[in-house]
Amino acid sequence: MVSYAVRFVTRYDGMVIATFPDLPGVTALGRDDEEAPDEARRALADALAGFEGEGVSPAARATPIGS
């Protein structure tokens, strides 16, 4: 199983943006700190399914933990 780092940033209006540094373009938006992780998991699952459907290996994009 591959893990991906996620970065959460709270906007001025309280919304929380989730981004995946190893997967440019994969983002999610949550209403608050509680919703953002769920939305991030959904966005990641959708992106990985898309990569699989295209025959692309997202694992090659992952940064090893501790790097």
Protein backbone atom coordinates (compact mmCIF):
# COMPACT_ATOMS: atom_id res chain seq x y z
CA MET A 1 0.00 0.00 0.00
CA VAL A 2 1.29 3.44 -0.94
CA SER A 3 0.69 6.45 1.27
CA TYR A 4 0.49 10.01 0.02
CA ALA A 5 1.25 13.13 2.02
CA VAL A 6 -1.58 15.61 2.26
CA ARG A 7 -1.35 19.28 3.19
CA PHE A 8 -4.27 21.14 4.76
CA VAL A 9 -4.50 24.93 4.61
CA THR A 10 -7.30 26.92 6.18
CA ARG A 11 -8.56 29.78 4.04
CA TYR A 12 -9.57 33.21 5.30
CA ASP A 13 -13.23 32.11 5.28
CA GLY A 14 -12.67 28.94 7.32
CA MET A 15 -12.81 26.55 4.36
CA VAL A 16 -9.97 24.01 4.33
CA ILE A 17 -8.03 23.16 1.16
CA ALA A 18 -6.34 19.76 0.92
CA THR A 19 -3.53 19.22 -1.60
CA PHE A 20 -1.30 16.25 -2.35
CA PRO A 21 2.28 17.38 -3.08
CA ASP A 22 3.08 14.17 -4.99
CA LEU A 23 -0.08 14.39 -7.10
CA PRO A 24 -0.28 17.87 -8.65
CA GLY A 25 -3.82 18.87 -9.44
CA VAL A 26 -5.42 16.57 -6.87
CA THR A 27 -7.18 18.89 -4.43
CA ALA A 28 -10.20 18.90 -2.17
CA LEU A 29 -12.16 21.52 -0.28
CA GLY A 30 -13.89 21.03 3.04
CA ARG A 31 -16.14 23.31 5.04
CA ASP A 32 -14.01 22.82 8.15
CA ASP A 33 -11.25 20.72 9.78
CA GLU A 34 -13.64 17.81 10.23
CA GLU A 35 -14.91 17.63 6.65
CA ALA A 36 -11.59 18.27 4.86
CA PRO A 37 -9.98 14.85 5.55
CA ASP A 38 -13.06 13.04 4.23
CA GLU A 39 -13.07 15.17 1.10
CA ALA A 40 -9.32 14.60 0.68
CA ARG A 41 -9.79 10.82 0.88
CA ARG A 42 -12.53 11.04 -1.76
CA ALA A 43 -10.38 13.17 -4.07
CA LEU A 44 -7.43 10.79 -3.67
CA ALA A 45 -9.58 7.73 -4.36
CA ASP A 46 -11.03 9.38 -7.48
CA ALA A 47 -7.58 10.39 -8.73
CA LEU A 48 -6.11 6.93 -8.16
CA ALA A 49 -9.05 5.33 -9.96
CA GLY A 50 -8.47 7.71 -12.86
CA PHE A 51 -4.77 6.85 -12.99
CA GLU A 52 -5.61 3.16 -12.97
CA GLY A 53 -8.12 3.63 -15.77
CA GLU A 54 -5.48 5.41 -17.83
CA GLY A 55 -2.84 2.78 -17.06
CA VAL A 56 -0.67 5.33 -15.24
CA SER A 57 1.27 4.35 -12.12
CA PRO A 58 0.85 7.06 -9.47
CA ALA A 59 3.18 5.12 -7.14
CA ALA A 60 6.11 6.29 -9.23
CA ARG A 61 5.23 9.85 -8.22
CA ALA A 62 5.33 9.19 -4.46
CA THR A 63 8.04 10.74 -2.32
CA PRO A 64 9.44 8.21 0.15
CA ILE A 65 8.67 9.03 3.78
CA GLY A 66 11.66 10.68 5.43
CA SER A 67 12.94 12.29 2.23
